[in-house]
C-alpha cells in the first residue's frame, strides 16, 4: 500500500512539474494579456498542488500552511489583475 502511494506521489509530482513548465511557456509566449493572466492563475494553482504533494510526501504540516498562503496570495493577485484589466486601476 505504501509503495503504491510513493509511486503515485512521484507521478503526480512529475506531472505537476510538467504542467508548471507548460504554464510558464504560455506565460512567456501568450499572444494576449488575458492568456498570460490565465497562465499565471494556472501556475499558482500548480504551485499550490506541488506544495501540498510535498507536504503529503514528507508528512510535515508546515507545507499545508504554506499552501494556504499561496492560495490566498494567488486569489488576491488574480482579482487585482482582472480588475486592472477591466478598469485600468486597482484602487478606486
Protein backbone atom coordinates (compact mmCIF):
# COMPACT_ATOMS: atom_id res chain seq x y z
CA UNK A 1 0.00 0.00 0.00
CA UNK A 2 2.75 2.46 0.90
CA UNK A 3 4.71 1.60 -2.23
CA UNK A 4 1.69 2.46 -4.39
CA UNK A 5 1.39 5.79 -2.55
CA UNK A 6 5.05 6.59 -3.21
CA UNK A 7 4.71 5.81 -6.92
CA UNK A 8 1.51 7.84 -7.16
CA UNK A 9 3.09 10.82 -5.41
CA UNK A 10 6.16 10.63 -7.64
CA UNK A 11 3.96 10.51 -10.76
CA UNK A 12 1.84 13.43 -9.53
CA UNK A 13 4.96 15.48 -8.75
CA UNK A 14 6.29 14.81 -12.24
CA UNK A 15 3.03 15.77 -13.92
CA UNK A 16 2.75 18.88 -11.73
CA UNK A 17 6.25 19.93 -12.73
CA UNK A 18 5.41 19.37 -16.39
CA UNK A 19 2.24 21.44 -16.07
CA UNK A 20 4.21 24.24 -14.40
CA UNK A 21 6.66 24.25 -17.29
CA UNK A 22 3.84 24.42 -19.82
CA UNK A 23 2.14 27.23 -17.89
CA UNK A 24 5.44 29.11 -17.76
CA UNK A 25 5.81 28.75 -21.52
CA UNK A 26 2.28 30.11 -22.05
CA UNK A 27 3.08 32.95 -19.65
CA UNK A 28 6.11 33.95 -21.71
CA UNK A 29 4.70 33.32 -25.20
CA UNK A 30 1.00 34.05 -24.68
CA UNK A 31 -0.41 36.06 -27.56
CA UNK A 32 -2.68 38.23 -25.42
CA UNK A 33 -2.71 39.65 -21.92
CA UNK A 34 -5.71 37.51 -20.98
CA UNK A 35 -3.81 34.35 -21.95
CA UNK A 36 -0.89 35.41 -19.78
CA UNK A 37 -3.11 36.12 -16.78
CA UNK A 38 -4.83 32.76 -17.19
CA UNK A 39 -1.41 31.07 -17.37
CA UNK A 40 -0.33 32.90 -14.21
CA UNK A 41 -3.51 31.75 -12.47
CA UNK A 42 -2.90 28.15 -13.55
CA UNK A 43 0.73 28.47 -12.45
CA UNK A 44 -0.14 29.35 -8.87
CA UNK A 45 -2.68 26.52 -8.76
CA UNK A 46 0.05 24.10 -9.93
CA UNK A 47 2.42 25.53 -7.32
CA UNK A 48 -0.25 25.02 -4.68
CA UNK A 49 -0.67 21.40 -5.77
CA UNK A 50 3.07 20.74 -5.68
CA UNK A 51 3.43 22.21 -2.20
CA UNK A 52 0.56 20.01 -0.99
CA UNK A 53 2.11 16.92 -2.58
CA UNK A 54 5.48 17.63 -0.97
CA UNK A 55 3.69 18.11 2.36
CA UNK A 56 1.99 14.74 1.98
CA UNK A 57 5.22 13.04 0.96
CA UNK A 58 7.24 14.47 3.85
CA UNK A 59 4.42 14.35 6.40
CA UNK A 60 5.01 17.92 7.54
CA UNK A 61 2.09 20.21 8.41
CA UNK A 62 4.08 23.36 7.65
CA UNK A 63 3.61 22.78 3.93
CA UNK A 64 -0.16 22.91 4.31
CA UNK A 65 0.07 26.35 5.92
CA UNK A 66 2.34 27.45 3.09
CA UNK A 67 -0.25 26.17 0.61
CA UNK A 68 -2.95 28.26 2.29
CA UNK A 69 -0.73 31.33 2.00
CA UNK A 70 -0.08 30.63 -1.70
CA UNK A 71 -3.83 30.20 -2.30
CA UNK A 72 -4.63 33.50 -0.61
CA UNK A 73 -1.96 35.46 -2.46
CA UNK A 74 -2.83 33.83 -5.77
CA UNK A 75 -6.51 34.64 -5.46
CA UNK A 76 -5.90 38.25 -4.47
CA UNK A 77 -3.37 38.79 -7.25
CA UNK A 78 -5.70 37.29 -9.87
CA UNK A 79 -8.55 39.52 -8.75
CA UNK A 80 -6.29 42.59 -8.77
CA UNK A 81 -5.06 41.84 -12.29
CA UNK A 82 -8.59 41.23 -13.55
CA UNK A 83 -9.81 44.49 -12.04
CA UNK A 84 -6.85 46.33 -13.53
CA UNK A 85 -7.63 44.94 -16.99
CA UNK A 86 -11.30 45.85 -16.71
CA UNK A 87 -11.00 49.37 -15.27
CA UNK A 88 -7.37 50.42 -15.64
CA UNK A 89 -6.95 50.93 -11.88
CA UNK A 90 -6.90 48.71 -8.83
CA UNK A 91 -7.88 51.09 -6.04
CA UNK A 92 -10.86 53.35 -6.63
